[in-house]
Amino acid sequence: VEGDVRNISNQLSITTKIDREHPELKEYAKSKGWWDGKKE
């Protein structure tokens, strides 16, 4: 969190600002066809 306020709710809210991640996060998404590996 780098700002004055941040909230969460019953949904995912982390978009493109990812500071730490599961080591296979993006590869798993690619293997499922959820992300093409090209767009952000």
All heavy atoms as atom14 arrays in JSON, in Angstrom:
{
  "sequence": "VEGDVRNISNQLSITTKIDREHPELKEYAKSKGWWDGKKE",
  "atom14_mask": [
    [1, 1, 1, 1, 1, 1, 1, 0, 0, 0, 0, 0, 0, 0],
    [1, 1, 1, 1, 1, 1, 1, 1, 1, 0, 0, 0, 0, 0],
    [1, 1, 1, 1, 0, 0, 0, 0, 0, 0, 0, 0, 0, 0],
    [1, 1, 1, 1, 1, 1, 1, 1, 0, 0, 0, 0, 0, 0],
    [1, 1, 1, 1, 1, 1, 1, 0, 0, 0, 0, 0, 0, 0],
    [1, 1, 1, 1, 1, 1, 1, 1, 1, 1, 1, 0, 0, 0],
    [1, 1, 1, 1, 1, 1, 1, 1, 0, 0, 0, 0, 0, 0],
    [1, 1, 1, 1, 1, 1, 1, 1, 0, 0, 0, 0, 0, 0],
    [1, 1, 1, 1, 1, 1, 0, 0, 0, 0, 0, 0, 0, 0],
    [1, 1, 1, 1, 1, 1, 1, 1, 0, 0, 0, 0, 0, 0],
    [1, 1, 1, 1, 1, 1, 1, 1, 1, 0, 0, 0, 0, 0],
    [1, 1, 1, 1, 1, 1, 1, 1, 0, 0, 0, 0, 0, 0],
    [1, 1, 1, 1, 1, 1, 0, 0, 0, 0, 0, 0, 0, 0],
    [1, 1, 1, 1, 1, 1, 1, 1, 0, 0, 0, 0, 0, 0],
    [1, 1, 1, 1, 1, 1, 1, 0, 0, 0, 0, 0, 0, 0],
    [1, 1, 1, 1, 1, 1, 1, 0, 0, 0, 0, 0, 0, 0],
    [1, 1, 1, 1, 1, 1, 1, 1, 1, 0, 0, 0, 0, 0],
    [1, 1, 1, 1, 1, 1, 1, 1, 0, 0, 0, 0, 0, 0],
    [1, 1, 1, 1, 1, 1, 1, 1, 0, 0, 0, 0, 0, 0],
    [1, 1, 1, 1, 1, 1, 1, 1, 1, 1, 1, 0, 0, 0],
    [1, 1, 1, 1, 1, 1, 1, 1, 1, 0, 0, 0, 0, 0],
    [1, 1, 1, 1, 1, 1, 1, 1, 1, 1, 0, 0, 0, 0],
    [1, 1, 1, 1, 1, 1, 1, 0, 0, 0, 0, 0, 0, 0],
    [1, 1, 1, 1, 1, 1, 1, 1, 1, 0, 0, 0, 0, 0],
    [1, 1, 1, 1, 1, 1, 1, 1, 0, 0, 0, 0, 0, 0],
    [1, 1, 1, 1, 1, 1, 1, 1, 1, 0, 0, 0, 0, 0],
    [1, 1, 1, 1, 1, 1, 1, 1, 1, 0, 0, 0, 0, 0],
    [1, 1, 1, 1, 1, 1, 1, 1, 1, 1, 1, 1, 0, 0],
    [1, 1, 1, 1, 1, 0, 0, 0, 0, 0, 0, 0, 0, 0],
    [1, 1, 1, 1, 1, 1, 1, 1, 1, 0, 0, 0, 0, 0],
    [1, 1, 1, 1, 1, 1, 0, 0, 0, 0, 0, 0, 0, 0],
    [1, 1, 1, 1, 1, 1, 1, 1, 1, 0, 0, 0, 0, 0],
    [1, 1, 1, 1, 0, 0, 0, 0, 0, 0, 0, 0, 0, 0],
    [1, 1, 1, 1, 1, 1, 1, 1, 1, 1, 1, 1, 1, 1],
    [1, 1, 1, 1, 1, 1, 1, 1, 1, 1, 1, 1, 1, 1],
    [1, 1, 1, 1, 1, 1, 1, 1, 0, 0, 0, 0, 0, 0],
    [1, 1, 1, 1, 0, 0, 0, 0, 0, 0, 0, 0, 0, 0],
    [1, 1, 1, 1, 1, 1, 1, 1, 1, 0, 0, 0, 0, 0],
    [1, 1, 1, 1, 1, 1, 1, 1, 1, 0, 0, 0, 0, 0],
    [1, 1, 1, 1, 1, 1, 1, 1, 1, 0, 0, 0, 0, 0]
  ],
  "atom14_positions": [
    [[0.86, -1.18, 0.0], [0.0, 0.0, 0.0], [0.89, 1.24, 0.0], [1.74, 1.4, 0.87], [-0.95, 0.0, 1.21], [-1.78, 1.27, 1.24], [-1.84, -1.23, 1.18], [0.0, 0.0, 0.0], [0.0, 0.0, 0.0], [0.0, 0.0, 0.0], [0.0, 0.0, 0.0], [0.0, 0.0, 0.0], [0.0, 0.0, 0.0], [0.0, 0.0, 0.0]],
    [[0.7, 2.07, -1.0], [1.48, 3.31, -1.13], [0.54, 4.46, -1.42], [0.44, 4.94, -2.54], [2.51, 3.16, -2.25], [3.57, 2.13, -1.93], [4.52, 1.88, -3.09], [4.23, 2.32, -4.22], [5.54, 1.23, -2.85], [0.0, 0.0, 0.0], [0.0, 0.0, 0.0], [0.0, 0.0, 0.0], [0.0, 0.0, 0.0], [0.0, 0.0, 0.0]],
    [[-0.17, 4.87, -0.44], [-1.12, 5.97, -0.61], [-1.82, 6.19, 0.71], [-1.56, 5.51, 1.7], [0.0, 0.0, 0.0], [0.0, 0.0, 0.0], [0.0, 0.0, 0.0], [0.0, 0.0, 0.0], [0.0, 0.0, 0.0], [0.0, 0.0, 0.0], [0.0, 0.0, 0.0], [0.0, 0.0, 0.0], [0.0, 0.0, 0.0], [0.0, 0.0, 0.0]],
    [[-2.71, 7.12, 0.69], [-3.4, 7.47, 1.93], [-4.47, 6.47, 2.33], [-4.71, 6.27, 3.51], [-4.03, 8.86, 1.79], [-2.97, 9.94, 1.63], [-1.85, 9.75, 2.14], [-3.25, 10.96, 0.99], [0.0, 0.0, 0.0], [0.0, 0.0, 0.0], [0.0, 0.0, 0.0], [0.0, 0.0, 0.0], [0.0, 0.0, 0.0], [0.0, 0.0, 0.0]],
    [[-5.15, 5.87, 1.36], [-6.23, 4.94, 1.68], [-6.17, 3.74, 0.74], [-5.71, 3.84, -0.4], [-7.63, 5.59, 1.59], [-7.79, 6.7, 2.61], [-7.92, 6.13, 0.2], [0.0, 0.0, 0.0], [0.0, 0.0, 0.0], [0.0, 0.0, 0.0], [0.0, 0.0, 0.0], [0.0, 0.0, 0.0], [0.0, 0.0, 0.0], [0.0, 0.0, 0.0]],
    [[-6.67, 2.6, 1.23], [-6.79, 1.39, 0.42], [-7.84, 0.54, 1.07], [-7.89, 0.42, 2.3], [-5.44, 0.64, 0.36], [-5.46, -0.66, -0.45], [-5.69, -0.37, -1.94], [-5.3, -1.49, -2.77], [-6.09, -2.52, -3.05], [-7.31, -2.6, -2.56], [-5.65, -3.48, -3.84], [0.0, 0.0, 0.0], [0.0, 0.0, 0.0], [0.0, 0.0, 0.0]],
    [[-8.71, -0.04, 0.3], [-9.74, -0.91, 0.86], [-9.79, -2.22, 0.1], [-9.24, -2.35, -0.99], [-11.11, -0.22, 0.87], [-11.66, 0.05, -0.52], [-10.95, 0.55, -1.4], [-12.92, -0.25, -0.74], [0.0, 0.0, 0.0], [0.0, 0.0, 0.0], [0.0, 0.0, 0.0], [0.0, 0.0, 0.0], [0.0, 0.0, 0.0], [0.0, 0.0, 0.0]],
    [[-10.43, -3.2, 0.73], [-10.7, -4.48, 0.1], [-12.16, -4.81, 0.34], [-12.82, -4.2, 1.19], [-9.8, -5.61, 0.67], [-10.0, -5.78, 2.17], [-8.33, -5.34, 0.34], [-9.25, -6.98, 2.77], [0.0, 0.0, 0.0], [0.0, 0.0, 0.0], [0.0, 0.0, 0.0], [0.0, 0.0, 0.0], [0.0, 0.0, 0.0], [0.0, 0.0, 0.0]],
    [[-12.68, -5.74, -0.42], [-14.03, -6.22, -0.22], [-14.06, -7.66, -0.68], [-13.01, -8.27, -0.85], [-15.03, -5.35, -0.98], [-16.35, -5.68, -0.61], [0.0, 0.0, 0.0], [0.0, 0.0, 0.0], [0.0, 0.0, 0.0], [0.0, 0.0, 0.0], [0.0, 0.0, 0.0], [0.0, 0.0, 0.0], [0.0, 0.0, 0.0], [0.0, 0.0, 0.0]],
    [[-15.23, -8.19, -0.93], [-15.36, -9.59, -1.34], [-15.15, -9.75, -2.83], [-15.99, -10.27, -3.54], [-16.74, -10.11, -0.94], [-16.93, -10.06, 0.54], [-17.3, -9.02, 1.07], [-16.64, -11.14, 1.22], [0.0, 0.0, 0.0], [0.0, 0.0, 0.0], [0.0, 0.0, 0.0], [0.0, 0.0, 0.0], [0.0, 0.0, 0.0], [0.0, 0.0, 0.0]],
    [[-14.0, -9.31, -3.29], [-13.62, -9.45, -4.69], [-12.12, -9.2, -4.78], [-11.53, -8.64, -3.87], [-14.34, -8.44, -5.57], [-13.87, -7.01, -5.32], [-14.51, -6.02, -6.24], [-15.72, -5.98, -6.33], [-13.72, -5.24, -6.93], [0.0, 0.0, 0.0], [0.0, 0.0, 0.0], [0.0, 0.0, 0.0], [0.0, 0.0, 0.0], [0.0, 0.0, 0.0]],
    [[-11.53, -9.63, -5.86], [-10.13, -9.33, -6.09], [-10.01, -7.88, -6.54], [-10.8, -7.42, -7.37], [-9.55, -10.28, -7.14], [-9.58, -11.76, -6.78], [-9.03, -12.61, -7.91], [-8.84, -12.04, -5.48], [0.0, 0.0, 0.0], [0.0, 0.0, 0.0], [0.0, 0.0, 0.0], [0.0, 0.0, 0.0], [0.0, 0.0, 0.0], [0.0, 0.0, 0.0]],
    [[-9.03, -7.16, -6.0], [-8.88, -5.75, -6.34], [-7.47, -5.38, -6.77], [-7.24, -4.26, -7.2], [-9.29, -4.88, -5.14], [-8.45, -5.12, -4.04], [0.0, 0.0, 0.0], [0.0, 0.0, 0.0], [0.0, 0.0, 0.0], [0.0, 0.0, 0.0], [0.0, 0.0, 0.0], [0.0, 0.0, 0.0], [0.0, 0.0, 0.0], [0.0, 0.0, 0.0]],
    [[-6.54, -6.32, -6.66], [-5.18, -6.04, -7.14], [-5.2, -6.19, -8.65], [-5.58, -7.24, -9.17], [-4.15, -7.0, -6.51], [-4.06, -6.76, -5.0], [-2.78, -6.84, -7.17], [-3.17, -7.75, -4.27], [0.0, 0.0, 0.0], [0.0, 0.0, 0.0], [0.0, 0.0, 0.0], [0.0, 0.0, 0.0], [0.0, 0.0, 0.0], [0.0, 0.0, 0.0]],
    [[-4.8, -5.14, -9.33], [-4.85, -5.19, -10.8], [-3.43, -5.37, -11.35], [-2.93, -6.48, -11.37], [-5.55, -3.94, -11.37], [-4.87, -2.77, -10.89], [-7.02, -3.88, -10.94], [0.0, 0.0, 0.0], [0.0, 0.0, 0.0], [0.0, 0.0, 0.0], [0.0, 0.0, 0.0], [0.0, 0.0, 0.0], [0.0, 0.0, 0.0], [0.0, 0.0, 0.0]],
    [[-2.79, -4.31, -11.79], [-1.47, -4.42, -12.42], [-0.32, -4.07, -11.49], [0.83, -4.35, -11.81], [-1.41, -3.54, -13.68], [-1.67, -2.18, -13.31], [-2.42, -3.99, -14.71], [0.0, 0.0, 0.0], [0.0, 0.0, 0.0], [0.0, 0.0, 0.0], [0.0, 0.0, 0.0], [0.0, 0.0, 0.0], [0.0, 0.0, 0.0], [0.0, 0.0, 0.0]],
    [[-0.59, -3.44, -10.35], [0.47, -3.13, -9.39], [0.64, -4.33, -8.46], [-0.05, -4.49, -7.47], [0.15, -1.88, -8.58], [1.27, -1.47, -7.63], [0.86, -0.33, -6.72], [1.92, 0.08, -5.74], [2.47, -0.99, -4.9], [0.0, 0.0, 0.0], [0.0, 0.0, 0.0], [0.0, 0.0, 0.0], [0.0, 0.0, 0.0], [0.0, 0.0, 0.0]],
    [[1.57, -5.19, -8.82], [1.84, -6.4, -8.05], [3.29, -6.32, -7.57], [4.22, -6.26, -8.37], [1.62, -7.66, -8.92], [0.17, -7.7, -9.43], [1.97, -8.91, -8.12], [-0.1, -8.78, -10.45], [0.0, 0.0, 0.0], [0.0, 0.0, 0.0], [0.0, 0.0, 0.0], [0.0, 0.0, 0.0], [0.0, 0.0, 0.0], [0.0, 0.0, 0.0]],
    [[3.46, -6.31, -6.25], [4.8, -6.18, -5.68], [5.41, -7.53, -5.3], [6.62, -7.67, -5.26], [4.75, -5.25, -4.46], [4.34, -3.84, -4.87], [5.04, -3.25, -5.71], [3.31, -3.35, -4.38], [0.0, 0.0, 0.0], [0.0, 0.0, 0.0], [0.0, 0.0, 0.0], [0.0, 0.0, 0.0], [0.0, 0.0, 0.0], [0.0, 0.0, 0.0]],
    [[4.57, -8.5, -5.0], [5.01, -9.87, -4.76], [3.95, -10.78, -5.34], [2.78, -10.42, -5.37], [5.18, -10.15, -3.26], [6.38, -9.44, -2.64], [6.6, -9.78, -1.18], [6.71, -11.22, -0.96], [6.73, -11.79, 0.25], [6.66, -11.05, 1.34], [6.83, -13.09, 0.39], [0.0, 0.0, 0.0], [0.0, 0.0, 0.0], [0.0, 0.0, 0.0]],
    [[4.37, -11.97, -5.79], [3.4, -12.88, -6.41], [3.86, -14.32, -6.28], [5.05, -14.6, -6.08], [3.19, -12.54, -7.88], [4.43, -12.75, -8.73], [4.28, -12.19, -10.14], [4.02, -10.99, -10.28], [4.43, -12.98, -11.08], [0.0, 0.0, 0.0], [0.0, 0.0, 0.0], [0.0, 0.0, 0.0], [0.0, 0.0, 0.0], [0.0, 0.0, 0.0]],
    [[2.92, -15.22, -6.41], [3.24, -16.65, -6.47], [4.15, -16.86, -7.68], [3.9, -16.3, -8.75], [1.95, -17.46, -6.62], [2.16, -18.94, -6.6], [2.65, -19.64, -7.67], [1.96, -19.84, -5.6], [2.72, -20.92, -7.36], [2.31, -21.07, -6.1], [0.0, 0.0, 0.0], [0.0, 0.0, 0.0], [0.0, 0.0, 0.0], [0.0, 0.0, 0.0]],
    [[5.21, -17.66, -7.54], [6.17, -17.8, -8.65], [5.58, -18.35, -9.94], [6.14, -18.11, -11.01], [7.24, -18.74, -8.08], [6.73, -19.27, -6.81], [5.59, -18.4, -6.36], [0.0, 0.0, 0.0], [0.0, 0.0, 0.0], [0.0, 0.0, 0.0], [0.0, 0.0, 0.0], [0.0, 0.0, 0.0], [0.0, 0.0, 0.0], [0.0, 0.0, 0.0]],
    [[4.46, -19.04, -9.87], [3.84, -19.61, -11.07], [2.53, -18.91, -11.45], [1.77, -19.41, -12.27], [3.6, -21.1, -10.86], [4.88, -21.88, -10.61], [4.61, -23.28, -10.06], [3.45, -23.73, -10.08], [5.56, -23.92, -9.6], [0.0, 0.0, 0.0], [0.0, 0.0, 0.0], [0.0, 0.0, 0.0], [0.0, 0.0, 0.0], [0.0, 0.0, 0.0]],
    [[2.26, -17.75, -10.85], [1.0, -17.05, -11.06], [0.68, -16.82, -12.53], [-0.4, -17.17, -13.02], [1.03, -15.71, -10.31], [-0.19, -14.82, -10.44], [-1.33, -15.36, -9.59], [0.14, -13.39, -10.0], [0.0, 0.0, 0.0], [0.0, 0.0, 0.0], [0.0, 0.0, 0.0], [0.0, 0.0, 0.0], [0.0, 0.0, 0.0], [0.0, 0.0, 0.0]],
    [[1.63, -16.24, -13.26], [1.39, -15.88, -14.66], [1.42, -17.11, -15.56], [0.61, -17.21, -16.49], [2.4, -14.83, -15.1], [2.2, -13.5, -14.38], [3.28, -12.5, -14.71], [3.07, -11.23, -13.89], [4.22, -10.36, -13.91], [0.0, 0.0, 0.0], [0.0, 0.0, 0.0], [0.0, 0.0, 0.0], [0.0, 0.0, 0.0], [0.0, 0.0, 0.0]],
    [[2.32, -18.03, -15.3], [2.39, -19.24, -16.13], [1.12, -20.07, -16.01], [0.64, -20.63, -16.99], [3.63, -20.08, -15.76], [4.91, -19.52, -16.3], [4.9, -19.28, -17.81], [4.49, -20.19, -18.58], [5.27, -18.17, -18.21], [0.0, 0.0, 0.0], [0.0, 0.0, 0.0], [0.0, 0.0, 0.0], [0.0, 0.0, 0.0], [0.0, 0.0, 0.0]],
    [[0.57, -20.15, -14.8], [-0.68, -20.89, -14.61], [-1.81, -20.23, -15.39], [-2.59, -20.91, -16.06], [-1.03, -20.98, -13.12], [-2.28, -21.78, -12.85], [-2.26, -23.16, -12.99], [-3.45, -21.16, -12.47], [-3.42, -23.9, -12.75], [-4.6, -21.89, -12.23], [-4.58, -23.27, -12.37], [-5.73, -23.99, -12.14], [0.0, 0.0, 0.0], [0.0, 0.0, 0.0]],
    [[-1.88, -18.91, -15.33], [-2.91, -18.18, -16.07], [-2.76, -18.41, -17.58], [-3.76, -18.6, -18.29], [-2.85, -16.69, -15.75], [0.0, 0.0, 0.0], [0.0, 0.0, 0.0], [0.0, 0.0, 0.0], [0.0, 0.0, 0.0], [0.0, 0.0, 0.0], [0.0, 0.0, 0.0], [0.0, 0.0, 0.0], [0.0, 0.0, 0.0], [0.0, 0.0, 0.0]],
    [[-1.53, -18.43, -18.06], [-1.3, -18.71, -19.49], [-1.72, -20.12, -19.85], [-2.36, -20.35, -20.88], [0.18, -18.5, -19.83], [0.53, -17.06, -20.13], [2.01, -16.82, -20.29], [2.61, -17.44, -21.5], [4.03, -17.05, -21.7], [0.0, 0.0, 0.0], [0.0, 0.0, 0.0], [0.0, 0.0, 0.0], [0.0, 0.0, 0.0], [0.0, 0.0, 0.0]],
    [[-1.4, -21.1, -18.98], [-1.74, -22.5, -19.26], [-3.25, -22.73, -19.31], [-3.72, -23.62, -20.0], [-1.1, -23.42, -18.23], [-1.78, -23.36, -16.98], [0.0, 0.0, 0.0], [0.0, 0.0, 0.0], [0.0, 0.0, 0.0], [0.0, 0.0, 0.0], [0.0, 0.0, 0.0], [0.0, 0.0, 0.0], [0.0, 0.0, 0.0], [0.0, 0.0, 0.0]],
    [[-4.01, -21.91, -18.59], [-5.47, -22.01, -18.58], [-6.13, -21.2, -19.7], [-7.34, -21.26, -19.87], [-6.03, -21.54, -17.23], [-5.69, -22.46, -16.08], [-6.42, -23.77, -16.26], [-6.36, -24.63, -15.05], [-7.07, -25.89, -15.25], [0.0, 0.0, 0.0], [0.0, 0.0, 0.0], [0.0, 0.0, 0.0], [0.0, 0.0, 0.0], [0.0, 0.0, 0.0]],
    [[-5.32, -20.39, -20.41], [-5.88, -19.55, -21.47], [-6.52, -18.28, -20.96], [-7.26, -17.62, -21.68], [0.0, 0.0, 0.0], [0.0, 0.0, 0.0], [0.0, 0.0, 0.0], [0.0, 0.0, 0.0], [0.0, 0.0, 0.0], [0.0, 0.0, 0.0], [0.0, 0.0, 0.0], [0.0, 0.0, 0.0], [0.0, 0.0, 0.0], [0.0, 0.0, 0.0]],
    [[-6.24, -17.9, -19.72], [-6.82, -16.7, -19.13], [-6.04, -15.45, -19.5], [-6.56, -14.34, -19.39], [-6.87, -16.81, -17.61], [-7.65, -17.96, -17.08], [-8.64, -18.67, -17.71], [-7.52, -18.55, -15.78], [-9.12, -19.66, -16.9], [-8.45, -19.6, -15.7], [-6.71, -18.29, -14.69], [-8.6, -20.39, -14.57], [-6.84, -19.07, -13.56], [-7.78, -20.11, -13.5]],
    [[-4.77, -15.62, -19.85], [-3.89, -14.5, -20.17], [-3.0, -14.92, -21.32], [-2.46, -16.03, -21.32], [-3.07, -14.14, -18.92], [-2.09, -13.03, -19.07], [-2.35, -11.75, -19.44], [-0.68, -13.09, -18.84], [-1.19, -11.01, -19.46], [-0.15, -11.81, -19.08], [0.19, -14.1, -18.45], [1.2, -11.52, -18.95], [1.53, -13.81, -18.31], [2.02, -12.53, -18.57]],
    [[-2.83, -14.03, -22.29], [-2.06, -14.39, -23.49], [-0.56, -14.17, -23.34], [0.22, -14.54, -24.22], [-2.58, -13.64, -24.72], [-2.43, -12.12, -24.6], [-1.77, -11.63, -23.66], [-3.0, -11.42, -25.46], [0.0, 0.0, 0.0], [0.0, 0.0, 0.0], [0.0, 0.0, 0.0], [0.0, 0.0, 0.0], [0.0, 0.0, 0.0], [0.0, 0.0, 0.0]],
    [[-0.13, -13.56, -22.25], [1.29, -13.32, -22.04], [1.81, -12.08, -22.75], [2.97, -11.72, -22.6], [0.0, 0.0, 0.0], [0.0, 0.0, 0.0], [0.0, 0.0, 0.0], [0.0, 0.0, 0.0], [0.0, 0.0, 0.0], [0.0, 0.0, 0.0], [0.0, 0.0, 0.0], [0.0, 0.0, 0.0], [0.0, 0.0, 0.0], [0.0, 0.0, 0.0]],
    [[0.94, -11.43, -23.51], [1.37, -10.24, -24.27], [0.88, -8.95, -23.62], [1.65, -8.03, -23.43], [0.87, -10.34, -25.7], [1.5, -11.5, -26.45], [0.9, -11.66, -27.83], [1.5, -12.92, -28.47], [0.65, -13.49, -29.44], [0.0, 0.0, 0.0], [0.0, 0.0, 0.0], [0.0, 0.0, 0.0], [0.0, 0.0, 0.0], [0.0, 0.0, 0.0]],
    [[-0.4, -8.9, -23.31], [-0.91, -7.67, -22.68], [-0.48, -7.63, -21.22], [-0.08, -8.65, -20.64], [-2.42, -7.57, -22.83], [-3.21, -8.63, -22.11], [-4.69, -8.46, -22.33], [-5.42, -9.61, -21.65], [-6.83, -9.6, -21.86], [0.0, 0.0, 0.0], [0.0, 0.0, 0.0], [0.0, 0.0, 0.0], [0.0, 0.0, 0.0], [0.0, 0.0, 0.0]],
    [[-0.55, -6.44, -20.62], [-0.15, -6.27, -19.23], [-0.97, -7.2, -18.34], [-2.18, -7.32, -18.5], [-0.34, -4.8, -18.81], [0.16, -4.51, -17.43], [0.06, -3.03, -17.06], [-0.83, -2.34, -17.58], [0.88, -2.58, -16.26], [0.0, 0.0, 0.0], [0.0, 0.0, 0.0], [0.0, 0.0, 0.0], [0.0, 0.0, 0.0], [0.0, 0.0, 0.0]]
  ]
}
